[in-house]
All heavy atoms as atom14 arrays in JSON, in Angstrom:
{
  "sequence": "DVPDDAPRPDEVWISSKRLETLNEAFAALDPLTRQMLRAQRLEGLRV",
  "atom14_mask": [
    [1, 1, 1, 1, 1, 1, 1, 1, 0, 0, 0, 0, 0, 0],
    [1, 1, 1, 1, 1, 1, 1, 0, 0, 0, 0, 0, 0, 0],
    [1, 1, 1, 1, 1, 1, 1, 0, 0, 0, 0, 0, 0, 0],
    [1, 1, 1, 1, 1, 1, 1, 1, 0, 0, 0, 0, 0, 0],
    [1, 1, 1, 1, 1, 1, 1, 1, 0, 0, 0, 0, 0, 0],
    [1, 1, 1, 1, 1, 0, 0, 0, 0, 0, 0, 0, 0, 0],
    [1, 1, 1, 1, 1, 1, 1, 0, 0, 0, 0, 0, 0, 0],
    [1, 1, 1, 1, 1, 1, 1, 1, 1, 1, 1, 0, 0, 0],
    [1, 1, 1, 1, 1, 1, 1, 0, 0, 0, 0, 0, 0, 0],
    [1, 1, 1, 1, 1, 1, 1, 1, 0, 0, 0, 0, 0, 0],
    [1, 1, 1, 1, 1, 1, 1, 1, 1, 0, 0, 0, 0, 0],
    [1, 1, 1, 1, 1, 1, 1, 0, 0, 0, 0, 0, 0, 0],
    [1, 1, 1, 1, 1, 1, 1, 1, 1, 1, 1, 1, 1, 1],
    [1, 1, 1, 1, 1, 1, 1, 1, 0, 0, 0, 0, 0, 0],
    [1, 1, 1, 1, 1, 1, 0, 0, 0, 0, 0, 0, 0, 0],
    [1, 1, 1, 1, 1, 1, 0, 0, 0, 0, 0, 0, 0, 0],
    [1, 1, 1, 1, 1, 1, 1, 1, 1, 0, 0, 0, 0, 0],
    [1, 1, 1, 1, 1, 1, 1, 1, 1, 1, 1, 0, 0, 0],
    [1, 1, 1, 1, 1, 1, 1, 1, 0, 0, 0, 0, 0, 0],
    [1, 1, 1, 1, 1, 1, 1, 1, 1, 0, 0, 0, 0, 0],
    [1, 1, 1, 1, 1, 1, 1, 0, 0, 0, 0, 0, 0, 0],
    [1, 1, 1, 1, 1, 1, 1, 1, 0, 0, 0, 0, 0, 0],
    [1, 1, 1, 1, 1, 1, 1, 1, 0, 0, 0, 0, 0, 0],
    [1, 1, 1, 1, 1, 1, 1, 1, 1, 0, 0, 0, 0, 0],
    [1, 1, 1, 1, 1, 0, 0, 0, 0, 0, 0, 0, 0, 0],
    [1, 1, 1, 1, 1, 1, 1, 1, 1, 1, 1, 0, 0, 0],
    [1, 1, 1, 1, 1, 0, 0, 0, 0, 0, 0, 0, 0, 0],
    [1, 1, 1, 1, 1, 0, 0, 0, 0, 0, 0, 0, 0, 0],
    [1, 1, 1, 1, 1, 1, 1, 1, 0, 0, 0, 0, 0, 0],
    [1, 1, 1, 1, 1, 1, 1, 1, 0, 0, 0, 0, 0, 0],
    [1, 1, 1, 1, 1, 1, 1, 0, 0, 0, 0, 0, 0, 0],
    [1, 1, 1, 1, 1, 1, 1, 1, 0, 0, 0, 0, 0, 0],
    [1, 1, 1, 1, 1, 1, 1, 0, 0, 0, 0, 0, 0, 0],
    [1, 1, 1, 1, 1, 1, 1, 1, 1, 1, 1, 0, 0, 0],
    [1, 1, 1, 1, 1, 1, 1, 1, 1, 0, 0, 0, 0, 0],
    [1, 1, 1, 1, 1, 1, 1, 1, 0, 0, 0, 0, 0, 0],
    [1, 1, 1, 1, 1, 1, 1, 1, 0, 0, 0, 0, 0, 0],
    [1, 1, 1, 1, 1, 1, 1, 1, 1, 1, 1, 0, 0, 0],
    [1, 1, 1, 1, 1, 0, 0, 0, 0, 0, 0, 0, 0, 0],
    [1, 1, 1, 1, 1, 1, 1, 1, 1, 0, 0, 0, 0, 0],
    [1, 1, 1, 1, 1, 1, 1, 1, 1, 1, 1, 0, 0, 0],
    [1, 1, 1, 1, 1, 1, 1, 1, 0, 0, 0, 0, 0, 0],
    [1, 1, 1, 1, 1, 1, 1, 1, 1, 0, 0, 0, 0, 0],
    [1, 1, 1, 1, 0, 0, 0, 0, 0, 0, 0, 0, 0, 0],
    [1, 1, 1, 1, 1, 1, 1, 1, 0, 0, 0, 0, 0, 0],
    [1, 1, 1, 1, 1, 1, 1, 1, 1, 1, 1, 0, 0, 0],
    [1, 1, 1, 1, 1, 1, 1, 0, 0, 0, 0, 0, 0, 0]
  ],
  "atom14_positions": [
    [[124.14, 16.59, 24.68], [124.04, 16.08, 23.33], [123.43, 14.69, 23.41], [124.14, 13.7, 23.52], [125.42, 16.05, 22.66], [125.34, 15.76, 21.19], [124.25, 15.95, 20.62], [126.35, 15.35, 20.6], [0.0, 0.0, 0.0], [0.0, 0.0, 0.0], [0.0, 0.0, 0.0], [0.0, 0.0, 0.0], [0.0, 0.0, 0.0], [0.0, 0.0, 0.0]],
    [[122.1, 14.66, 23.4], [121.39, 13.41, 23.55], [121.12, 12.84, 22.15], [120.52, 13.51, 21.31], [120.05, 13.61, 24.29], [119.29, 12.32, 24.43], [120.31, 14.23, 25.65], [0.0, 0.0, 0.0], [0.0, 0.0, 0.0], [0.0, 0.0, 0.0], [0.0, 0.0, 0.0], [0.0, 0.0, 0.0], [0.0, 0.0, 0.0], [0.0, 0.0, 0.0]],
    [[121.58, 11.63, 21.9], [121.33, 11.06, 20.57], [119.85, 10.77, 20.37], [119.16, 10.32, 21.28], [122.15, 9.77, 20.57], [122.34, 9.42, 21.99], [122.33, 10.72, 22.76], [0.0, 0.0, 0.0], [0.0, 0.0, 0.0], [0.0, 0.0, 0.0], [0.0, 0.0, 0.0], [0.0, 0.0, 0.0], [0.0, 0.0, 0.0], [0.0, 0.0, 0.0]],
    [[119.39, 11.03, 19.17], [118.0, 10.79, 18.84], [117.93, 9.56, 17.94], [118.51, 9.56, 16.85], [117.42, 12.01, 18.12], [115.94, 11.89, 17.87], [115.32, 10.92, 18.37], [115.38, 12.77, 17.2], [0.0, 0.0, 0.0], [0.0, 0.0, 0.0], [0.0, 0.0, 0.0], [0.0, 0.0, 0.0], [0.0, 0.0, 0.0], [0.0, 0.0, 0.0]],
    [[117.26, 8.53, 18.4], [117.16, 7.29, 17.64], [116.09, 7.35, 16.56], [116.0, 6.45, 15.73], [116.87, 6.11, 18.57], [118.03, 5.83, 19.52], [119.18, 6.17, 19.16], [117.79, 5.29, 20.6], [0.0, 0.0, 0.0], [0.0, 0.0, 0.0], [0.0, 0.0, 0.0], [0.0, 0.0, 0.0], [0.0, 0.0, 0.0], [0.0, 0.0, 0.0]],
    [[115.28, 8.39, 16.56], [114.22, 8.49, 15.57], [114.83, 8.73, 14.19], [115.84, 9.43, 14.06], [113.28, 9.65, 15.93], [0.0, 0.0, 0.0], [0.0, 0.0, 0.0], [0.0, 0.0, 0.0], [0.0, 0.0, 0.0], [0.0, 0.0, 0.0], [0.0, 0.0, 0.0], [0.0, 0.0, 0.0], [0.0, 0.0, 0.0], [0.0, 0.0, 0.0]],
    [[114.21, 8.18, 13.16], [114.75, 8.39, 11.82], [114.58, 9.85, 11.39], [113.65, 10.53, 11.82], [113.91, 7.46, 10.94], [112.69, 7.19, 11.71], [113.04, 7.32, 13.16], [0.0, 0.0, 0.0], [0.0, 0.0, 0.0], [0.0, 0.0, 0.0], [0.0, 0.0, 0.0], [0.0, 0.0, 0.0], [0.0, 0.0, 0.0], [0.0, 0.0, 0.0]],
    [[115.49, 10.29, 10.52], [115.42, 11.66, 10.0], [114.22, 11.75, 9.06], [113.77, 10.76, 8.51], [116.71, 12.0, 9.26], [117.92, 12.0, 10.14], [119.16, 12.51, 9.38], [119.23, 12.07, 8.0], [120.04, 11.11, 7.55], [120.83, 10.47, 8.38], [120.05, 10.79, 6.27], [0.0, 0.0, 0.0], [0.0, 0.0, 0.0], [0.0, 0.0, 0.0]],
    [[113.69, 12.94, 8.84], [112.52, 13.1, 7.96], [112.76, 12.56, 6.55], [111.85, 11.95, 5.97], [112.29, 14.61, 7.94], [112.86, 15.1, 9.22], [114.03, 14.21, 9.52], [0.0, 0.0, 0.0], [0.0, 0.0, 0.0], [0.0, 0.0, 0.0], [0.0, 0.0, 0.0], [0.0, 0.0, 0.0], [0.0, 0.0, 0.0], [0.0, 0.0, 0.0]],
    [[113.96, 12.75, 6.02], [114.21, 12.24, 4.67], [114.2, 10.71, 4.64], [113.75, 10.09, 3.67], [115.53, 12.78, 4.1], [116.74, 12.38, 4.94], [116.61, 12.32, 6.17], [117.82, 12.16, 4.34], [0.0, 0.0, 0.0], [0.0, 0.0, 0.0], [0.0, 0.0, 0.0], [0.0, 0.0, 0.0], [0.0, 0.0, 0.0], [0.0, 0.0, 0.0]],
    [[114.68, 10.08, 5.72], [114.64, 8.62, 5.79], [113.2, 8.11, 5.88], [112.86, 7.08, 5.29], [115.43, 8.13, 7.01], [116.93, 8.36, 6.9], [117.67, 8.04, 8.19], [117.03, 8.08, 9.26], [118.87, 7.76, 8.11], [0.0, 0.0, 0.0], [0.0, 0.0, 0.0], [0.0, 0.0, 0.0], [0.0, 0.0, 0.0], [0.0, 0.0, 0.0]],
    [[112.36, 8.83, 6.61], [110.95, 8.45, 6.72], [110.29, 8.54, 5.35], [109.54, 7.64, 4.94], [110.21, 9.36, 7.74], [108.71, 9.13, 7.7], [110.76, 9.13, 9.14], [0.0, 0.0, 0.0], [0.0, 0.0, 0.0], [0.0, 0.0, 0.0], [0.0, 0.0, 0.0], [0.0, 0.0, 0.0], [0.0, 0.0, 0.0], [0.0, 0.0, 0.0]],
    [[110.57, 9.62, 4.62], [109.98, 9.81, 3.3], [110.43, 8.7, 2.35], [109.61, 8.11, 1.63], [110.38, 11.18, 2.76], [109.75, 11.48, 1.43], [108.48, 11.91, 1.2], [110.37, 11.33, 0.15], [108.27, 12.05, -0.14], [109.41, 11.71, -0.82], [111.62, 10.93, -0.27], [109.68, 11.68, -2.17], [111.9, 10.91, -1.62], [110.94, 11.29, -2.57]],
    [[111.74, 8.39, 2.34], [112.27, 7.34, 1.47], [111.64, 6.0, 1.82], [111.25, 5.23, 0.93], [113.82, 7.28, 1.57], [114.43, 8.52, 0.91], [114.37, 6.02, 0.94], [115.91, 8.7, 1.17], [0.0, 0.0, 0.0], [0.0, 0.0, 0.0], [0.0, 0.0, 0.0], [0.0, 0.0, 0.0], [0.0, 0.0, 0.0], [0.0, 0.0, 0.0]],
    [[111.52, 5.71, 3.1], [110.9, 4.44, 3.53], [109.45, 4.34, 3.08], [109.0, 3.28, 2.64], [110.99, 4.29, 5.04], [112.32, 4.17, 5.45], [0.0, 0.0, 0.0], [0.0, 0.0, 0.0], [0.0, 0.0, 0.0], [0.0, 0.0, 0.0], [0.0, 0.0, 0.0], [0.0, 0.0, 0.0], [0.0, 0.0, 0.0], [0.0, 0.0, 0.0]],
    [[108.72, 5.44, 3.19], [107.31, 5.4, 2.78], [107.2, 5.2, 1.27], [106.31, 4.49, 0.79], [106.57, 6.66, 3.22], [107.02, 7.79, 2.49], [0.0, 0.0, 0.0], [0.0, 0.0, 0.0], [0.0, 0.0, 0.0], [0.0, 0.0, 0.0], [0.0, 0.0, 0.0], [0.0, 0.0, 0.0], [0.0, 0.0, 0.0], [0.0, 0.0, 0.0]],
    [[108.11, 5.79, 0.51], [108.1, 5.6, -0.95], [108.44, 4.15, -1.3], [107.84, 3.56, -2.2], [109.09, 6.55, -1.64], [108.66, 7.99, -1.6], [107.35, 8.14, -2.34], [106.82, 9.53, -2.22], [105.44, 9.66, -2.68], [0.0, 0.0, 0.0], [0.0, 0.0, 0.0], [0.0, 0.0, 0.0], [0.0, 0.0, 0.0], [0.0, 0.0, 0.0]],
    [[109.39, 3.55, -0.59], [109.75, 2.14, -0.83], [108.57, 1.23, -0.49], [108.31, 0.25, -1.19], [110.98, 1.75, -0.04], [112.27, 2.32, -0.62], [113.51, 1.83, 0.08], [113.62, 0.39, 0.21], [114.08, -0.44, -0.74], [114.44, 0.04, -1.9], [114.17, -1.74, -0.51], [0.0, 0.0, 0.0], [0.0, 0.0, 0.0], [0.0, 0.0, 0.0]],
    [[107.86, 1.56, 0.58], [106.69, 0.76, 0.96], [105.59, 0.86, -0.1], [104.94, -0.14, -0.44], [106.18, 1.19, 2.33], [105.09, 0.34, 2.95], [105.56, -1.11, 3.11], [104.68, 0.91, 4.29], [0.0, 0.0, 0.0], [0.0, 0.0, 0.0], [0.0, 0.0, 0.0], [0.0, 0.0, 0.0], [0.0, 0.0, 0.0], [0.0, 0.0, 0.0]],
    [[105.38, 2.06, -0.64], [104.4, 2.23, -1.72], [104.8, 1.38, -2.93], [103.95, 0.72, -3.55], [104.31, 3.7, -2.13], [103.58, 4.58, -1.15], [103.61, 6.04, -1.56], [103.91, 6.35, -2.73], [103.33, 6.89, -0.7], [0.0, 0.0, 0.0], [0.0, 0.0, 0.0], [0.0, 0.0, 0.0], [0.0, 0.0, 0.0], [0.0, 0.0, 0.0]],
    [[106.09, 1.39, -3.26], [106.58, 0.61, -4.4], [106.38, -0.88, -4.15], [105.96, -1.62, -5.04], [108.08, 0.9, -4.64], [108.25, 2.31, -4.84], [108.61, 0.16, -5.85], [0.0, 0.0, 0.0], [0.0, 0.0, 0.0], [0.0, 0.0, 0.0], [0.0, 0.0, 0.0], [0.0, 0.0, 0.0], [0.0, 0.0, 0.0], [0.0, 0.0, 0.0]],
    [[106.65, -1.32, -2.92], [106.45, -2.73, -2.58], [104.98, -3.11, -2.69], [104.64, -4.19, -3.2], [106.98, -3.02, -1.17], [106.87, -4.47, -0.7], [107.7, -5.39, -1.6], [107.32, -4.59, 0.74], [0.0, 0.0, 0.0], [0.0, 0.0, 0.0], [0.0, 0.0, 0.0], [0.0, 0.0, 0.0], [0.0, 0.0, 0.0], [0.0, 0.0, 0.0]],
    [[104.09, -2.24, -2.25], [102.66, -2.51, -2.36], [102.23, -2.62, -3.83], [101.4, -3.46, -4.18], [101.83, -1.45, -1.64], [101.83, -1.65, -0.14], [101.95, -2.77, 0.34], [101.7, -0.56, 0.59], [0.0, 0.0, 0.0], [0.0, 0.0, 0.0], [0.0, 0.0, 0.0], [0.0, 0.0, 0.0], [0.0, 0.0, 0.0], [0.0, 0.0, 0.0]],
    [[102.8, -1.76, -4.69], [102.51, -1.84, -6.13], [102.99, -3.17, -6.7], [102.3, -3.8, -7.51], [103.18, -0.69, -6.87], [102.59, 0.67, -6.6], [103.43, 1.79, -7.19], [104.4, 1.53, -7.94], [103.12, 2.96, -6.89], [0.0, 0.0, 0.0], [0.0, 0.0, 0.0], [0.0, 0.0, 0.0], [0.0, 0.0, 0.0], [0.0, 0.0, 0.0]],
    [[104.19, -3.59, -6.27], [104.75, -4.86, -6.75], [103.88, -6.02, -6.29], [103.62, -6.95, -7.07], [106.18, -5.02, -6.26], [0.0, 0.0, 0.0], [0.0, 0.0, 0.0], [0.0, 0.0, 0.0], [0.0, 0.0, 0.0], [0.0, 0.0, 0.0], [0.0, 0.0, 0.0], [0.0, 0.0, 0.0], [0.0, 0.0, 0.0], [0.0, 0.0, 0.0]],
    [[103.43, -6.0, -5.06], [102.55, -7.06, -4.55], [101.25, -7.1, -5.35], [100.73, -8.17, -5.66], [102.23, -6.84, -3.07], [102.89, -7.82, -2.16], [104.07, -7.5, -1.51], [102.35, -9.07, -1.96], [104.69, -8.41, -0.67], [102.95, -9.99, -1.13], [104.13, -9.67, -0.49], [0.0, 0.0, 0.0], [0.0, 0.0, 0.0], [0.0, 0.0, 0.0]],
    [[100.73, -5.93, -5.7], [99.49, -5.87, -6.46], [99.69, -6.45, -7.86], [98.73, -6.97, -8.48], [98.99, -4.44, -6.54], [0.0, 0.0, 0.0], [0.0, 0.0, 0.0], [0.0, 0.0, 0.0], [0.0, 0.0, 0.0], [0.0, 0.0, 0.0], [0.0, 0.0, 0.0], [0.0, 0.0, 0.0], [0.0, 0.0, 0.0], [0.0, 0.0, 0.0]],
    [[100.91, -6.39, -8.38], [101.19, -6.91, -9.73], [101.29, -8.44, -9.75], [101.22, -9.04, -10.81], [102.49, -6.28, -10.26], [0.0, 0.0, 0.0], [0.0, 0.0, 0.0], [0.0, 0.0, 0.0], [0.0, 0.0, 0.0], [0.0, 0.0, 0.0], [0.0, 0.0, 0.0], [0.0, 0.0, 0.0], [0.0, 0.0, 0.0], [0.0, 0.0, 0.0]],
    [[101.49, -9.05, -8.6], [101.57, -10.52, -8.54], [100.21, -11.14, -8.77], [99.17, -10.53, -8.47], [102.09, -10.96, -7.17], [103.53, -10.62, -6.8], [103.77, -10.97, -5.33], [104.51, -11.35, -7.7], [0.0, 0.0, 0.0], [0.0, 0.0, 0.0], [0.0, 0.0, 0.0], [0.0, 0.0, 0.0], [0.0, 0.0, 0.0], [0.0, 0.0, 0.0]],
    [[100.2, -12.39, -9.26], [98.92, -13.08, -9.38], [98.44, -13.42, -7.96], [99.23, -13.57, -7.04], [99.04, -14.33, -10.26], [99.9, -15.39, -9.63], [101.14, -15.3, -9.76], [99.33, -16.3, -9.01], [0.0, 0.0, 0.0], [0.0, 0.0, 0.0], [0.0, 0.0, 0.0], [0.0, 0.0, 0.0], [0.0, 0.0, 0.0], [0.0, 0.0, 0.0]],
    [[97.15, -13.5, -7.77], [96.59, -13.67, -6.43], [97.12, -14.89, -5.66], [97.37, -14.8, -4.45], [95.09, -13.8, -6.66], [94.84, -13.15, -7.97], [96.08, -13.35, -8.78], [0.0, 0.0, 0.0], [0.0, 0.0, 0.0], [0.0, 0.0, 0.0], [0.0, 0.0, 0.0], [0.0, 0.0, 0.0], [0.0, 0.0, 0.0], [0.0, 0.0, 0.0]],
    [[97.34, -16.0, -6.33], [97.81, -17.19, -5.64], [99.23, -17.0, -5.13], [99.54, -17.33, -3.98], [97.73, -18.42, -6.56], [98.09, -19.75, -5.91], [97.18, -20.03, -4.72], [98.01, -20.88, -6.94], [0.0, 0.0, 0.0], [0.0, 0.0, 0.0], [0.0, 0.0, 0.0], [0.0, 0.0, 0.0], [0.0, 0.0, 0.0], [0.0, 0.0, 0.0]],
    [[100.1, -16.43, -5.96], [101.49, -16.19, -5.55], [101.52, -15.18, -4.4], [102.27, -15.35, -3.43], [102.33, -15.68, -6.74], [102.23, -16.63, -7.81], [103.77, -15.49, -6.35], [0.0, 0.0, 0.0], [0.0, 0.0, 0.0], [0.0, 0.0, 0.0], [0.0, 0.0, 0.0], [0.0, 0.0, 0.0], [0.0, 0.0, 0.0], [0.0, 0.0, 0.0]],
    [[100.72, -14.15, -4.52], [100.64, -13.14, -3.45], [100.21, -13.78, -2.14], [100.8, -13.54, -1.09], [99.65, -12.06, -3.86], [99.57, -10.88, -2.93], [98.62, -9.83, -3.41], [98.03, -10.33, -4.66], [97.18, -9.69, -5.42], [96.79, -8.51, -5.09], [96.68, -10.2, -6.51], [0.0, 0.0, 0.0], [0.0, 0.0, 0.0], [0.0, 0.0, 0.0]],
    [[99.22, -14.63, -2.19], [98.73, -15.32, -0.99], [99.81, -16.23, -0.4], [100.0, -16.27, 0.82], [97.48, -16.12, -1.34], [96.76, -16.68, -0.15], [95.5, -17.44, -0.57], [95.34, -17.83, -1.73], [94.61, -17.65, 0.38], [0.0, 0.0, 0.0], [0.0, 0.0, 0.0], [0.0, 0.0, 0.0], [0.0, 0.0, 0.0], [0.0, 0.0, 0.0]],
    [[100.55, -16.92, -1.25], [101.61, -17.8, -0.77], [102.76, -17.02, -0.14], [103.31, -17.42, 0.89], [102.14, -18.66, -1.93], [101.19, -19.72, -2.38], [101.93, -20.63, -3.75], [100.67, -21.82, -4.08], [0.0, 0.0, 0.0], [0.0, 0.0, 0.0], [0.0, 0.0, 0.0], [0.0, 0.0, 0.0], [0.0, 0.0, 0.0], [0.0, 0.0, 0.0]],
    [[103.15, -15.92, -0.78], [104.23, -15.09, -0.21], [103.83, -14.53, 1.15], [104.63, -14.49, 2.08], [104.59, -13.95, -1.17], [105.57, -14.31, -2.28], [105.67, -13.19, -3.3], [106.94, -14.61, -1.69], [0.0, 0.0, 0.0], [0.0, 0.0, 0.0], [0.0, 0.0, 0.0], [0.0, 0.0, 0.0], [0.0, 0.0, 0.0], [0.0, 0.0, 0.0]],
    [[102.59, -14.06, 1.26], [102.12, -13.54, 2.56], [102.13, -14.63, 3.62], [102.53, -14.4, 4.76], [100.73, -12.95, 2.42], [100.72, -11.58, 1.83], [99.4, -10.88, 2.05], [99.5, -9.53, 1.55], [98.68, -9.01, 0.64], [97.7, -9.74, 0.14], [98.84, -7.78, 0.23], [0.0, 0.0, 0.0], [0.0, 0.0, 0.0], [0.0, 0.0, 0.0]],
    [[101.68, -15.82, 3.22], [101.64, -16.94, 4.17], [103.05, -17.27, 4.66], [103.26, -17.52, 5.85], [101.0, -18.16, 3.54], [0.0, 0.0, 0.0], [0.0, 0.0, 0.0], [0.0, 0.0, 0.0], [0.0, 0.0, 0.0], [0.0, 0.0, 0.0], [0.0, 0.0, 0.0], [0.0, 0.0, 0.0], [0.0, 0.0, 0.0], [0.0, 0.0, 0.0]],
    [[104.01, -17.26, 3.74], [105.38, -17.62, 4.12], [106.07, -16.48, 4.88], [106.63, -16.7, 5.95], [106.21, -17.98, 2.89], [107.61, -18.42, 3.27], [108.54, -18.51, 2.07], [108.45, -17.72, 1.14], [109.42, -19.5, 2.1], [0.0, 0.0, 0.0], [0.0, 0.0, 0.0], [0.0, 0.0, 0.0], [0.0, 0.0, 0.0], [0.0, 0.0, 0.0]],
    [[106.03, -15.27, 4.33], [106.8, -14.15, 4.89], [106.14, -13.49, 6.09], [106.82, -13.09, 7.03], [107.05, -13.09, 3.8], [107.87, -13.57, 2.65], [109.27, -13.86, 3.12], [110.07, -14.41, 2.03], [111.37, -14.4, 2.01], [112.04, -13.89, 3.01], [112.01, -14.92, 1.01], [0.0, 0.0, 0.0], [0.0, 0.0, 0.0], [0.0, 0.0, 0.0]],
    [[104.86, -13.35, 6.06], [104.19, -12.63, 7.15], [103.62, -13.55, 8.23], [103.69, -13.24, 9.41], [103.07, -11.74, 6.59], [103.52, -10.66, 5.6], [102.32, -9.89, 5.06], [104.52, -9.72, 6.23], [0.0, 0.0, 0.0], [0.0, 0.0, 0.0], [0.0, 0.0, 0.0], [0.0, 0.0, 0.0], [0.0, 0.0, 0.0], [0.0, 0.0, 0.0]],
    [[103.06, -14.68, 7.8], [102.45, -15.58, 8.77], [103.42, -16.64, 9.26], [103.13, -17.35, 10.22], [101.21, -16.23, 8.16], [100.12, -15.2, 7.84], [98.97, -15.79, 7.05], [98.78, -17.03, 7.1], [98.26, -15.02, 6.39], [0.0, 0.0, 0.0], [0.0, 0.0, 0.0], [0.0, 0.0, 0.0], [0.0, 0.0, 0.0], [0.0, 0.0, 0.0]],
    [[104.56, -16.78, 8.57], [105.59, -17.7, 9.01], [105.31, -19.17, 8.72], [105.89, -20.04, 9.37], [0.0, 0.0, 0.0], [0.0, 0.0, 0.0], [0.0, 0.0, 0.0], [0.0, 0.0, 0.0], [0.0, 0.0, 0.0], [0.0, 0.0, 0.0], [0.0, 0.0, 0.0], [0.0, 0.0, 0.0], [0.0, 0.0, 0.0], [0.0, 0.0, 0.0]],
    [[104.44, -19.44, 7.76], [104.15, -20.83, 7.42], [105.29, -21.44, 6.61], [105.96, -20.74, 5.84], [102.85, -20.93, 6.61], [101.56, -20.51, 7.33], [100.37, -20.61, 6.38], [101.33, -21.36, 8.56], [0.0, 0.0, 0.0], [0.0, 0.0, 0.0], [0.0, 0.0, 0.0], [0.0, 0.0, 0.0], [0.0, 0.0, 0.0], [0.0, 0.0, 0.0]],
    [[105.49, -22.74, 6.77], [106.52, -23.44, 6.01], [105.97, -23.8, 4.62], [104.75, -23.81, 4.41], [106.95, -24.7, 6.74], [107.65, -24.41, 8.07], [108.23, -25.68, 8.7], [107.34, -26.84, 8.61], [106.49, -27.21, 9.57], [106.42, -26.52, 10.68], [105.74, -28.28, 9.42], [0.0, 0.0, 0.0], [0.0, 0.0, 0.0], [0.0, 0.0, 0.0]],
    [[106.88, -24.09, 3.68], [106.49, -24.41, 2.31], [105.57, -25.62, 2.28], [104.55, -25.63, 1.55], [107.75, -24.64, 1.43], [107.37, -25.09, 0.03], [108.58, -23.36, 1.36], [0.0, 0.0, 0.0], [0.0, 0.0, 0.0], [0.0, 0.0, 0.0], [0.0, 0.0, 0.0], [0.0, 0.0, 0.0], [0.0, 0.0, 0.0], [0.0, 0.0, 0.0]]
  ]
}
């Protein structure tokens, strides 16, 4: 009985749907705010 660390198919589907929703939300932001959020959250820049 070897444990499988891979996510279950339903978890993968739910995660992909959440990612799509997040991308839609990012698209709804104004370009300057979107650029600032990416700089802070993804690139790790300070305020």
